[in-house]
Amino acid sequence: MANNLLITWPLANTPKNLAELELQYNSLEYIFPKDREVDSLKTLDVSHNHIDHLPNTQFFKLDKLDLSYNRLTTVPQNLNTMTPMLYELILDGNQITSVFFGDRTTLGTISLSHM
């Protein structure tokens, strides 16, 4: 669903076996319309959208999250709680001026270029 003109989250429910979701280059302002749990998603690419915060969603198996070129002004807090398996976080091209992690992180890779 990448490279479209989506302005609202396209999925009413996330398919139970969905492992990878690519929604880059749209006009989304949020990830999921409300708080929920996502069981199987391992890779989520929502780069190049209009996202300014993360929802209170539990991504149990997510290990790669690409939030580059959005409207974030801070590093999303509670990452360990929301994404306990997260290994790679990409925040390039956001307007983040200081990097602070509110809790311990298990990230193996973080990218913070072009701020």
PDB file of N, CA and C in Angstrom:
ATOM      1  N   MET A   1       0.814  -1.191   0.000  1.00  0.00           N
ATOM      2  CA  MET A   1       0.000   0.000   0.000  1.00  0.00           C
ATOM      3  C   MET A   1       0.863   1.261   0.000  1.00  0.00           C
ATOM      4  N   ALA A   2       2.107   1.116  -0.369  1.00  0.00           N
ATOM      5  CA  ALA A   2       3.011   2.259  -0.440  1.00  0.00           C
ATOM      6  C   ALA A   2       2.725   3.094  -1.684  1.00  0.00           C
ATOM      7  N   ASN A   3       3.157   4.348  -1.629  1.00  0.00           N
ATOM      8  CA  ASN A   3       3.058   5.258  -2.766  1.00  0.00           C
ATOM      9  C   ASN A   3       1.630   5.450  -3.265  1.00  0.00           C
ATOM     10  N   ASN A   4       0.747   5.751  -2.360  1.00  0.00           N
ATOM     11  CA  ASN A   4      -0.641   6.029  -2.695  1.00  0.00           C
ATOM     12  C   ASN A   4      -1.015   7.388  -2.128  1.00  0.00           C
ATOM     13  N   LEU A   5      -2.269   7.684  -2.097  1.00  0.00           N
ATOM     14  CA  LEU A   5      -2.743   8.949  -1.539  1.00  0.00           C
ATOM     15  C   LEU A   5      -3.550   8.707  -0.268  1.00  0.00           C
ATOM     16  N   LEU A   6      -3.182   7.685   0.487  1.00  0.00           N
ATOM     17  CA  LEU A   6      -3.925   7.336   1.700  1.00  0.00           C
ATOM     18  C   LEU A   6      -3.795   8.435   2.741  1.00  0.00           C
ATOM     19  N   ILE A   7      -4.925   8.866   3.296  1.00  0.00           N
ATOM     20  CA  ILE A   7      -4.906   9.866   4.360  1.00  0.00           C
ATOM     21  C   ILE A   7      -5.408   9.292   5.679  1.00  0.00           C
ATOM     22  N   THR A   8      -6.063   8.143   5.633  1.00  0.00           N
ATOM     23  CA  THR A   8      -6.509   7.465   6.850  1.00  0.00           C
ATOM     24  C   THR A   8      -5.972   6.041   6.852  1.00  0.00           C
ATOM     25  N   TRP A   9      -5.868   5.489   8.035  1.00  0.00           N
ATOM     26  CA  TRP A   9      -5.341   4.137   8.185  1.00  0.00           C
ATOM     27  C   TRP A   9      -6.199   3.169   7.383  1.00  0.00           C
ATOM     28  N   PRO A  10      -5.603   2.370   6.500  1.00  0.00           N
ATOM     29  CA  PRO A  10      -6.380   1.564   5.553  1.00  0.00           C
ATOM     30  C   PRO A  10      -6.969   0.261   6.091  1.00  0.00           C
ATOM     31  N   LEU A  11      -6.520  -0.211   7.237  1.00  0.00           N
ATOM     32  CA  LEU A  11      -6.965  -1.515   7.718  1.00  0.00           C
ATOM     33  C   LEU A  11      -7.878  -1.387   8.931  1.00  0.00           C
ATOM     34  N   ALA A  12      -9.089  -1.901   8.823  1.00  0.00           N
ATOM     35  CA  ALA A  12      -9.984  -1.931   9.981  1.00  0.00           C
ATOM     36  C   ALA A  12      -9.439  -2.917  11.006  1.00  0.00           C
ATOM     37  N   ASN A  13      -8.944  -4.045  10.538  1.00  0.00           N
ATOM     38  CA  ASN A  13      -8.318  -5.058  11.382  1.00  0.00           C
ATOM     39  C   ASN A  13      -7.049  -5.533  10.699  1.00  0.00           C
ATOM     40  N   THR A  14      -6.020  -5.771  11.479  1.00  0.00           N
ATOM     41  CA  THR A  14      -4.779  -6.272  10.921  1.00  0.00           C
ATOM     42  C   THR A  14      -4.895  -7.780  10.746  1.00  0.00           C
ATOM     43  N   PRO A  15      -4.661  -8.295   9.538  1.00  0.00           N
ATOM     44  CA  PRO A  15      -4.713  -9.746   9.342  1.00  0.00           C
ATOM     45  C   PRO A  15      -3.781 -10.456  10.315  1.00  0.00           C
ATOM     46  N   LYS A  16      -4.244 -11.558  10.867  1.00  0.00           N
ATOM     47  CA  LYS A  16      -3.501 -12.239  11.935  1.00  0.00           C
ATOM     48  C   LYS A  16      -2.105 -12.696  11.522  1.00  0.00           C
ATOM     49  N   ASN A  17      -1.892 -13.050  10.258  1.00  0.00           N
ATOM     50  CA  ASN A  17      -0.594 -13.557   9.816  1.00  0.00           C
ATOM     51  C   ASN A  17       0.250 -12.523   9.084  1.00  0.00           C
ATOM     52  N   LEU A  18      -0.166 -11.275   9.070  1.00  0.00           N
ATOM     53  CA  LEU A  18       0.571 -10.225   8.365  1.00  0.00           C
ATOM     54  C   LEU A  18       1.906  -9.973   9.062  1.00  0.00           C
ATOM     55  N   ALA A  19       3.007 -10.171   8.334  1.00  0.00           N
ATOM     56  CA  ALA A  19       4.336 -10.000   8.919  1.00  0.00           C
ATOM     57  C   ALA A  19       4.990  -8.687   8.515  1.00  0.00           C
ATOM     58  N   GLU A  20       4.659  -8.155   7.343  1.00  0.00           N
ATOM     59  CA  GLU A  20       5.293  -6.935   6.854  1.00  0.00           C
ATOM     60  C   GLU A  20       4.233  -6.017   6.263  1.00  0.00           C
ATOM     61  N   LEU A  21       4.323  -4.732   6.621  1.00  0.00           N
ATOM     62  CA  LEU A  21       3.371  -3.752   6.120  1.00  0.00           C
ATOM     63  C   LEU A  21       4.126  -2.523   5.651  1.00  0.00           C
ATOM     64  N   GLU A  22       3.951  -2.172   4.386  1.00  0.00           N
ATOM     65  CA  GLU A  22       4.620  -1.024   3.795  1.00  0.00           C
ATOM     66  C   GLU A  22       3.586   0.031   3.433  1.00  0.00           C
ATOM     67  N   LEU A  23       3.655   1.148   4.128  1.00  0.00           N
ATOM     68  CA  LEU A  23       2.731   2.261   3.920  1.00  0.00           C
ATOM     69  C   LEU A  23       3.480   3.570   3.687  1.00  0.00           C
ATOM     70  N   GLN A  24       4.710   3.479   3.234  1.00  0.00           N
ATOM     71  CA  GLN A  24       5.506   4.679   3.004  1.00  0.00           C
ATOM     72  C   GLN A  24       4.945   5.481   1.841  1.00  0.00           C
ATOM     73  N   TYR A  25       5.284   6.771   1.854  1.00  0.00           N
ATOM     74  CA  TYR A  25       4.872   7.721   0.813  1.00  0.00           C
ATOM     75  C   TYR A  25       3.352   7.794   0.666  1.00  0.00           C
ATOM     76  N   ASN A  26       2.688   8.071   1.766  1.00  0.00           N
ATOM     77  CA  ASN A  26       1.266   8.357   1.770  1.00  0.00           C
ATOM     78  C   ASN A  26       1.088   9.680   2.515  1.00  0.00           C
ATOM     79  N   SER A  27      -0.105   9.929   3.009  1.00  0.00           N
ATOM     80  CA  SER A  27      -0.369  11.144   3.792  1.00  0.00           C
ATOM     81  C   SER A  27      -1.006  10.792   5.124  1.00  0.00           C
ATOM     82  N   LEU A  28      -0.574   9.687   5.714  1.00  0.00           N
ATOM     83  CA  LEU A  28      -1.137   9.228   6.988  1.00  0.00           C
ATOM     84  C   LEU A  28      -0.701  10.139   8.124  1.00  0.00           C
ATOM     85  N   GLU A  29      -1.634  10.414   9.027  1.00  0.00           N
ATOM     86  CA  GLU A  29      -1.326  11.215  10.206  1.00  0.00           C
ATOM     87  C   GLU A  29      -1.192  10.365  11.458  1.00  0.00           C
ATOM     88  N   TYR A  30      -1.595   9.122  11.403  1.00  0.00           N
ATOM     89  CA  TYR A  30      -1.487   8.243  12.567  1.00  0.00           C
ATOM     90  C   TYR A  30      -1.317   6.794  12.140  1.00  0.00           C
ATOM     91  N   ILE A  31      -0.809   5.988  13.087  1.00  0.00           N
ATOM     92  CA  ILE A  31      -0.673   4.548  12.900  1.00  0.00           C
ATOM     93  C   ILE A  31      -1.781   3.905  13.715  1.00  0.00           C
ATOM     94  N   PHE A  32      -2.682   3.261  13.087  1.00  0.00           N
ATOM     95  CA  PHE A  32      -3.859   2.643  13.694  1.00  0.00           C
ATOM     96  C   PHE A  32      -4.778   3.713  14.290  1.00  0.00           C
ATOM     97  N   PRO A  33      -6.069   3.587  14.080  1.00  0.00           N
ATOM     98  CA  PRO A  33      -7.003   4.612  14.527  1.00  0.00           C
ATOM     99  C   PRO A  33      -7.259   4.624  16.023  1.00  0.00           C
ATOM    100  N   LYS A  34      -6.911   3.550  16.724  1.00  0.00           N
ATOM    101  CA  LYS A  34      -7.113   3.508  18.173  1.00  0.00           C
ATOM    102  C   LYS A  34      -6.154   2.501  18.786  1.00  0.00           C
ATOM    103  N   ASP A  35      -6.081   2.482  20.090  1.00  0.00           N
ATOM    104  CA  ASP A  35      -5.187   1.553  20.782  1.00  0.00           C
ATOM    105  C   ASP A  35      -5.585   0.119  20.470  1.00  0.00           C
ATOM    106  N   ARG A  36      -4.588  -0.711  20.237  1.00  0.00           N
ATOM    107  CA  ARG A  36      -4.874  -2.113  19.953  1.00  0.00           C
ATOM    108  C   ARG A  36      -3.635  -2.959  20.137  1.00  0.00           C
ATOM    109  N   GLU A  37      -3.759  -4.254  19.890  1.00  0.00           N
ATOM    110  CA  GLU A  37      -2.642  -5.179  19.940  1.00  0.00           C
ATOM    111  C   GLU A  37      -2.444  -5.763  18.547  1.00  0.00           C
ATOM    112  N   VAL A  38      -1.184  -5.861  18.140  1.00  0.00           N
ATOM    113  CA  VAL A  38      -0.845  -6.404  16.836  1.00  0.00           C
ATOM    114  C   VAL A  38       0.090  -7.582  17.076  1.00  0.00           C
ATOM    115  N   ASP A  39      -0.377  -8.769  16.727  1.00  0.00           N
ATOM    116  CA  ASP A  39       0.335  -9.986  17.091  1.00  0.00           C
ATOM    117  C   ASP A  39       1.490 -10.386  16.181  1.00  0.00           C
ATOM    118  N   SER A  40       1.318 -10.327  14.863  1.00  0.00           N
ATOM    119  CA  SER A  40       2.283 -10.961  13.973  1.00  0.00           C
ATOM    120  C   SER A  40       3.208 -10.014  13.209  1.00  0.00           C
ATOM    121  N   LEU A  41       2.927  -8.740  13.177  1.00  0.00           N
ATOM    122  CA  LEU A  41       3.682  -7.790  12.367  1.00  0.00           C
ATOM    123  C   LEU A  41       5.143  -7.703  12.829  1.00  0.00           C
ATOM    124  N   LYS A  42       6.084  -7.935  11.895  1.00  0.00           N
ATOM    125  CA  LYS A  42       7.503  -7.883  12.226  1.00  0.00           C
ATOM    126  C   LYS A  42       8.185  -6.637  11.657  1.00  0.00           C
ATOM    127  N   THR A  43       7.687  -6.134  10.528  1.00  0.00           N
ATOM    128  CA  THR A  43       8.269  -4.961   9.883  1.00  0.00           C
ATOM    129  C   THR A  43       7.160  -3.986   9.540  1.00  0.00           C
ATOM    130  N   LEU A  44       7.333  -2.729   9.957  1.00  0.00           N
ATOM    131  CA  LEU A  44       6.366  -1.684   9.650  1.00  0.00           C
ATOM    132  C   LEU A  44       7.113  -0.484   9.096  1.00  0.00           C
ATOM    133  N   ASP A  45       6.793  -0.129   7.857  1.00  0.00           N
ATOM    134  CA  ASP A  45       7.406   1.035   7.215  1.00  0.00           C
ATOM    135  C   ASP A  45       6.320   2.065   6.958  1.00  0.00           C
ATOM    136  N   VAL A  46       6.349   3.134   7.733  1.00  0.00           N
ATOM    137  CA  VAL A  46       5.406   4.243   7.569  1.00  0.00           C
ATOM    138  C   VAL A  46       6.193   5.532   7.329  1.00  0.00           C
ATOM    139  N   SER A  47       7.316   5.400   6.652  1.00  0.00           N
ATOM    140  CA  SER A  47       8.145   6.563   6.352  1.00  0.00           C
ATOM    141  C   SER A  47       7.451   7.460   5.334  1.00  0.00           C
ATOM    142  N   HIS A  48       7.859   8.723   5.339  1.00  0.00           N
ATOM    143  CA  HIS A  48       7.336   9.712   4.389  1.00  0.00           C
ATOM    144  C   HIS A  48       5.821   9.859   4.481  1.00  0.00           C
ATOM    145  N   ASN A  49       5.342  10.107   5.691  1.00  0.00           N
ATOM    146  CA  ASN A  49       3.938  10.381   5.949  1.00  0.00           C
ATOM    147  C   ASN A  49       3.856  11.658   6.780  1.00  0.00           C
ATOM    148  N   HIS A  50       2.799  11.823   7.562  1.00  0.00           N
ATOM    149  CA  HIS A  50       2.607  13.021   8.389  1.00  0.00           C
ATOM    150  C   HIS A  50       2.395  12.649   9.860  1.00  0.00           C
ATOM    151  N   ILE A  51       3.031  11.593  10.319  1.00  0.00           N
ATOM    152  CA  ILE A  51       2.840  11.060  11.666  1.00  0.00           C
ATOM    153  C   ILE A  51       3.620  11.897  12.675  1.00  0.00           C
ATOM    154  N   ASP A  52       2.934  12.321  13.760  1.00  0.00           N
ATOM    155  CA  ASP A  52       3.618  13.129  14.772  1.00  0.00           C
ATOM    156  C   ASP A  52       3.704  12.443  16.134  1.00  0.00           C
ATOM    157  N   HIS A  53       3.124  11.251  16.278  1.00  0.00           N
ATOM    158  CA  HIS A  53       3.237  10.480  17.523  1.00  0.00           C
ATOM    159  C   HIS A  53       2.867   9.028  17.261  1.00  0.00           C
ATOM    160  N   LEU A  54       3.216   8.174  18.195  1.00  0.00           N
ATOM    161  CA  LEU A  54       2.838   6.768  18.108  1.00  0.00           C
ATOM    162  C   LEU A  54       1.629   6.514  18.994  1.00  0.00           C
ATOM    163  N   PRO A  55       0.750   5.614  18.576  1.00  0.00           N
ATOM    164  CA  PRO A  55      -0.406   5.281  19.406  1.00  0.00           C
ATOM    165  C   PRO A  55       0.022   4.366  20.547  1.00  0.00           C
ATOM    166  N   ASN A  56      -0.873   4.114  21.445  1.00  0.00           N
ATOM    167  CA  ASN A  56      -0.618   3.176  22.533  1.00  0.00           C
ATOM    168  C   ASN A  56      -0.981   1.781  22.037  1.00  0.00           C
ATOM    169  N   THR A  57      -0.182   1.277  21.117  1.00  0.00           N
ATOM    170  CA  THR A  57      -0.426  -0.013  20.491  1.00  0.00           C
ATOM    171  C   THR A  57       0.676  -0.973  20.882  1.00  0.00           C
ATOM    172  N   GLN A  58       0.311  -2.214  21.128  1.00  0.00           N
ATOM    173  CA  GLN A  58       1.279  -3.249  21.452  1.00  0.00           C
ATOM    174  C   GLN A  58       1.644  -4.003  20.180  1.00  0.00           C
ATOM    175  N   PHE A  59       2.902  -3.909  19.784  1.00  0.00           N
ATOM    176  CA  PHE A  59       3.415  -4.655  18.637  1.00  0.00           C
ATOM    177  C   PHE A  59       4.299  -5.766  19.202  1.00  0.00           C
ATOM    178  N   PHE A  60       3.749  -6.939  19.390  1.00  0.00           N
ATOM    179  CA  PHE A  60       4.439  -7.994  20.117  1.00  0.00           C
ATOM    180  C   PHE A  60       5.666  -8.563  19.412  1.00  0.00           C
ATOM    181  N   LYS A  61       5.670  -8.603  18.078  1.00  0.00           N
ATOM    182  CA  LYS A  61       6.789  -9.202  17.340  1.00  0.00           C
ATOM    183  C   LYS A  61       7.536  -8.209  16.455  1.00  0.00           C
ATOM    184  N   LEU A  62       7.175  -6.950  16.503  1.00  0.00           N
ATOM    185  CA  LEU A  62       7.792  -5.957  15.628  1.00  0.00           C
ATOM    186  C   LEU A  62       9.277  -5.835  15.930  1.00  0.00           C
ATOM    187  N   ASP A  63      10.115  -6.032  14.897  1.00  0.00           N
ATOM    188  CA  ASP A  63      11.551  -5.877  15.112  1.00  0.00           C
ATOM    189  C   ASP A  63      12.159  -4.759  14.268  1.00  0.00           C
ATOM    190  N   LYS A  64      11.391  -4.232  13.277  1.00  0.00           N
ATOM    191  CA  LYS A  64      11.886  -3.102  12.490  1.00  0.00           C
ATOM    192  C   LYS A  64      10.759  -2.091  12.305  1.00  0.00           C
ATOM    193  N   LEU A  65      11.043  -0.843  12.688  1.00  0.00           N
ATOM    194  CA  LEU A  65      10.069   0.239  12.571  1.00  0.00           C
ATOM    195  C   LEU A  65      10.733   1.418  11.875  1.00  0.00           C
ATOM    196  N   ASP A  66      10.196   1.777  10.716  1.00  0.00           N
ATOM    197  CA  ASP A  66      10.729   2.911   9.958  1.00  0.00           C
ATOM    198  C   ASP A  66       9.727   4.058  10.038  1.00  0.00           C
ATOM    199  N   LEU A  67      10.093   5.085  10.796  1.00  0.00           N
ATOM    200  CA  LEU A  67       9.285   6.295  10.962  1.00  0.00           C
ATOM    201  C   LEU A  67       9.981   7.499  10.334  1.00  0.00           C
ATOM    202  N   SER A  68      10.869   7.259   9.404  1.00  0.00           N
ATOM    203  CA  SER A  68      11.641   8.358   8.830  1.00  0.00           C
ATOM    204  C   SER A  68      10.763   9.298   8.020  1.00  0.00           C
ATOM    205  N   TYR A  69      11.189  10.557   8.011  1.00  0.00           N
ATOM    206  CA  TYR A  69      10.536  11.623   7.246  1.00  0.00           C
ATOM    207  C   TYR A  69       9.045  11.739   7.565  1.00  0.00           C
ATOM    208  N   ASN A  70       8.788  11.911   8.842  1.00  0.00           N
ATOM    209  CA  ASN A  70       7.449  12.193   9.339  1.00  0.00           C
ATOM    210  C   ASN A  70       7.506  13.524  10.078  1.00  0.00           C
ATOM    211  N   ARG A  71       6.636  13.709  11.052  1.00  0.00           N
ATOM    212  CA  ARG A  71       6.574  14.969  11.799  1.00  0.00           C
ATOM    213  C   ARG A  71       6.863  14.786  13.283  1.00  0.00           C
ATOM    214  N   LEU A  72       7.681  13.809  13.608  1.00  0.00           N
ATOM    215  CA  LEU A  72       8.025  13.568  15.002  1.00  0.00           C
ATOM    216  C   LEU A  72       8.957  14.666  15.503  1.00  0.00           C
ATOM    217  N   THR A  73       8.744  15.095  16.752  1.00  0.00           N
ATOM    218  CA  THR A  73       9.628  16.088  17.363  1.00  0.00           C
ATOM    219  C   THR A  73      10.406  15.503  18.531  1.00  0.00           C
ATOM    220  N   THR A  74      10.047  14.305  18.954  1.00  0.00           N
ATOM    221  CA  THR A  74      10.756  13.599  20.024  1.00  0.00           C
ATOM    222  C   THR A  74      10.868  12.128  19.657  1.00  0.00           C
ATOM    223  N   VAL A  75      11.799  11.448  20.277  1.00  0.00           N
ATOM    224  CA  VAL A  75      11.888  10.002  20.130  1.00  0.00           C
ATOM    225  C   VAL A  75      10.665   9.408  20.837  1.00  0.00           C
ATOM    226  N   PRO A  76       9.924   8.528  20.177  1.00  0.00           N
ATOM    227  CA  PRO A  76       8.741   7.940  20.823  1.00  0.00           C
ATOM    228  C   PRO A  76       9.112   7.286  22.154  1.00  0.00           C
ATOM    229  N   GLN A  77       8.338   7.580  23.183  1.00  0.00           N
ATOM    230  CA  GLN A  77       8.595   7.025  24.507  1.00  0.00           C
ATOM    231  C   GLN A  77       7.897   5.675  24.667  1.00  0.00           C
ATOM    232  N   ASN A  78       8.270   4.933  25.656  1.00  0.00           N
ATOM    233  CA  ASN A  78       7.705   3.617  25.970  1.00  0.00           C
ATOM    234  C   ASN A  78       7.916   2.599  24.854  1.00  0.00           C
ATOM    235  N   LEU A  79       8.996   2.718  24.117  1.00  0.00           N
ATOM    236  CA  LEU A  79       9.257   1.778  23.029  1.00  0.00           C
ATOM    237  C   LEU A  79       9.387   0.346  23.529  1.00  0.00           C
ATOM    238  N   ASN A  80      10.070   0.146  24.658  1.00  0.00           N
ATOM    239  CA  ASN A  80      10.218  -1.215  25.175  1.00  0.00           C
ATOM    240  C   ASN A  80       8.885  -1.830  25.557  1.00  0.00           C
ATOM    241  N   THR A  81       7.979  -1.027  26.048  1.00  0.00           N
ATOM    242  CA  THR A  81       6.656  -1.526  26.415  1.00  0.00           C
ATOM    243  C   THR A  81       5.825  -1.829  25.186  1.00  0.00           C
ATOM    244  N   MET A  82       5.841  -0.928  24.228  1.00  0.00           N
ATOM    245  CA  MET A  82       5.025  -1.084  23.024  1.00  0.00           C
ATOM    246  C   MET A  82       5.610  -2.090  22.038  1.00  0.00           C
ATOM    247  N   THR A  83       6.921  -2.150  21.941  1.00  0.00           N
ATOM    248  CA  THR A  83       7.596  -3.001  20.953  1.00  0.00           C
ATOM    249  C   THR A  83       8.736  -3.761  21.621  1.00  0.00           C
ATOM    250  N   PRO A  84       8.433  -4.758  22.437  1.00  0.00           N
ATOM    251  CA  PRO A  84       9.483  -5.427  23.216  1.00  0.00           C
ATOM    252  C   PRO A  84      10.532  -6.152  22.372  1.00  0.00           C
ATOM    253  N   MET A  85      10.242  -6.459  21.106  1.00  0.00           N
ATOM    254  CA  MET A  85      11.187  -7.160  20.243  1.00  0.00           C
ATOM    255  C   MET A  85      11.905  -6.218  19.266  1.00  0.00           C
ATOM    256  N   LEU A  86      11.669  -4.909  19.374  1.00  0.00           N
ATOM    257  CA  LEU A  86      12.216  -3.959  18.409  1.00  0.00           C
ATOM    258  C   LEU A  86      13.739  -3.986  18.411  1.00  0.00           C
ATOM    259  N   TYR A  87      14.311  -4.155  17.221  1.00  0.00           N
ATOM    260  CA  TYR A  87      15.752  -4.188  17.065  1.00  0.00           C
ATOM    261  C   TYR A  87      16.243  -2.988  16.248  1.00  0.00           C
ATOM    262  N   GLU A  88      15.467  -2.596  15.225  1.00  0.00           N
ATOM    263  CA  GLU A  88      15.890  -1.510  14.344  1.00  0.00           C
ATOM    264  C   GLU A  88      14.838  -0.401  14.315  1.00  0.00           C
ATOM    265  N   LEU A  89      15.271   0.818  14.629  1.00  0.00           N
ATOM    266  CA  LEU A  89      14.407   1.992  14.634  1.00  0.00           C
ATOM    267  C   LEU A  89      15.021   3.053  13.729  1.00  0.00           C
ATOM    268  N   ILE A  90      14.236   3.522  12.756  1.00  0.00           N
ATOM    269  CA  ILE A  90      14.718   4.525  11.809  1.00  0.00           C
ATOM    270  C   ILE A  90      13.884   5.788  11.981  1.00  0.00           C
ATOM    271  N   LEU A  91      14.554   6.871  12.384  1.00  0.00           N
ATOM    272  CA  LEU A  91      13.888   8.146  12.628  1.00  0.00           C
ATOM    273  C   LEU A  91      14.464   9.273  11.774  1.00  0.00           C
ATOM    274  N   ASP A  92      15.138   8.944  10.722  1.00  0.00           N
ATOM    275  CA  ASP A  92      15.768   9.938   9.850  1.00  0.00           C
ATOM    276  C   ASP A  92      14.747  10.982   9.380  1.00  0.00           C
ATOM    277  N   GLY A  93      15.230  12.215   9.189  1.00  0.00           N
ATOM    278  CA  GLY A  93      14.432  13.248   8.556  1.00  0.00           C
ATOM    279  C   GLY A  93      13.277  13.800   9.362  1.00  0.00           C
ATOM    280  N   ASN A  94      13.230  13.543  10.649  1.00  0.00           N
ATOM    281  CA  ASN A  94      12.213  14.143  11.507  1.00  0.00           C
ATOM    282  C   ASN A  94      12.790  15.405  12.143  1.00  0.00           C
ATOM    283  N   GLN A  95      11.980  16.155  12.844  1.00  0.00           N
ATOM    284  CA  GLN A  95      12.418  17.402  13.472  1.00  0.00           C
ATOM    285  C   GLN A  95      12.789  17.186  14.944  1.00  0.00           C
ATOM    286  N   ILE A  96      13.486  16.106  15.220  1.00  0.00           N
ATOM    287  CA  ILE A  96      13.902  15.777  16.581  1.00  0.00           C
ATOM    288  C   ILE A  96      15.155  16.583  16.910  1.00  0.00           C
ATOM    289  N   THR A  97      15.104  17.350  18.009  1.00  0.00           N
ATOM    290  CA  THR A  97      16.245  18.188  18.360  1.00  0.00           C
ATOM    291  C   THR A  97      17.080  17.624  19.503  1.00  0.00           C
ATOM    292  N   SER A  98      16.500  16.729  20.302  1.00  0.00           N
ATOM    293  CA  SER A  98      17.288  16.047  21.327  1.00  0.00           C
ATOM    294  C   SER A  98      16.795  14.611  21.433  1.00  0.00           C
ATOM    295  N   VAL A  99      17.721  13.725  21.725  1.00  0.00           N
ATOM    296  CA  VAL A  99      17.404  12.299  21.771  1.00  0.00           C
ATOM    297  C   VAL A  99      17.366  11.848  23.222  1.00  0.00           C
ATOM    298  N   PHE A 100      16.218  11.347  23.628  1.00  0.00           N
ATOM    299  CA  PHE A 100      16.044  10.877  24.992  1.00  0.00           C
ATOM    300  C   PHE A 100      15.188   9.622  24.967  1.00  0.00           C
ATOM    301  N   PHE A 101      15.658   8.576  25.627  1.00  0.00           N
ATOM    302  CA  PHE A 101      14.880   7.354  25.785  1.00  0.00           C
ATOM    303  C   PHE A 101      14.431   7.286  27.235  1.00  0.00           C
ATOM    304  N   GLY A 102      13.115   7.308  27.455  1.00  0.00           N
ATOM    305  CA  GLY A 102      12.555   7.327  28.795  1.00  0.00           C
ATOM    306  C   GLY A 102      12.748   6.035  29.553  1.00  0.00           C
ATOM    307  N   ASP A 103      12.987   4.941  28.837  1.00  0.00           N
ATOM    308  CA  ASP A 103      13.232   3.666  29.497  1.00  0.00           C
ATOM    309  C   ASP A 103      14.397   2.979  28.787  1.00  0.00           C
ATOM    310  N   ARG A 104      14.873   1.908  29.376  1.00  0.00           N
ATOM    311  CA  ARG A 104      15.974   1.179  28.759  1.00  0.00           C
ATOM    312  C   ARG A 104      15.518   0.620  27.434  1.00  0.00           C
ATOM    313  N   THR A 105      16.409   0.589  26.491  1.00  0.00           N
ATOM    314  CA  THR A 105      16.068   0.093  25.168  1.00  0.00           C
ATOM    315  C   THR A 105      16.925  -1.112  24.803  1.00  0.00           C
ATOM    316  N   THR A 106      16.362  -1.998  24.017  1.00  0.00           N
ATOM    317  CA  THR A 106      17.094  -3.170  23.545  1.00  0.00           C
ATOM    318  C   THR A 106      17.435  -3.034  22.064  1.00  0.00           C
ATOM    319  N   LEU A 107      17.383  -1.813  21.547  1.00  0.00           N
ATOM    320  CA  LEU A 107      17.645  -1.585  20.136  1.00  0.00           C
ATOM    321  C   LEU A 107      19.066  -2.021  19.772  1.00  0.00           C
ATOM    322  N   GLY A 108      19.179  -2.626  18.587  1.00  0.00           N
ATOM    323  CA  GLY A 108      20.494  -2.971  18.051  1.00  0.00           C
ATOM    324  C   GLY A 108      20.949  -1.914  17.070  1.00  0.00           C
ATOM    325  N   THR A 109      19.982  -1.254  16.401  1.00  0.00           N
ATOM    326  CA  THR A 109      20.285  -0.230  15.408  1.00  0.00           C
ATOM    327  C   THR A 109      19.292   0.908  15.532  1.00  0.00           C
ATOM    328  N   ILE A 110      19.821   2.138  15.557  1.00  0.00           N
ATOM    329  CA  ILE A 110      18.956   3.310  15.509  1.00  0.00           C
ATOM    330  C   ILE A 110      19.582   4.279  14.511  1.00  0.00           C
ATOM    331  N   SER A 111      18.748   4.832  13.639  1.00  0.00           N
ATOM    332  CA  SER A 111      19.235   5.775  12.650  1.00  0.00           C
ATOM    333  C   SER A 111      18.551   7.122  12.886  1.00  0.00           C
ATOM    334  N   LEU A 112      19.384   8.161  13.028  1.00  0.00           N
ATOM    335  CA  LEU A 112      18.895   9.509  13.314  1.00  0.00           C
ATOM    336  C   LEU A 112      19.579  10.525  12.388  1.00  0.00           C
ATOM    337  N   SER A 113      19.530  10.308  11.108  1.00  0.00           N
ATOM    338  CA  SER A 113      20.189  11.188  10.146  1.00  0.00           C
ATOM    339  C   SER A 113      19.236  12.260   9.630  1.00  0.00           C
ATOM    340  N   HIS A 114      19.801  13.326   9.111  1.00  0.00           N
ATOM    341  CA  HIS A 114      19.044  14.396   8.443  1.00  0.00           C
ATOM    342  C   HIS A 114      17.973  15.017   9.340  1.00  0.00           C
ATOM    343  N   MET A 115      18.355  15.322  10.568  1.00  0.00           N
ATOM    344  CA  MET A 115      17.413  15.947  11.496  1.00  0.00           C
ATOM    345  C   MET A 115      17.366  17.440  11.278  1.00  0.00           C
TER     346      MET A 115
END
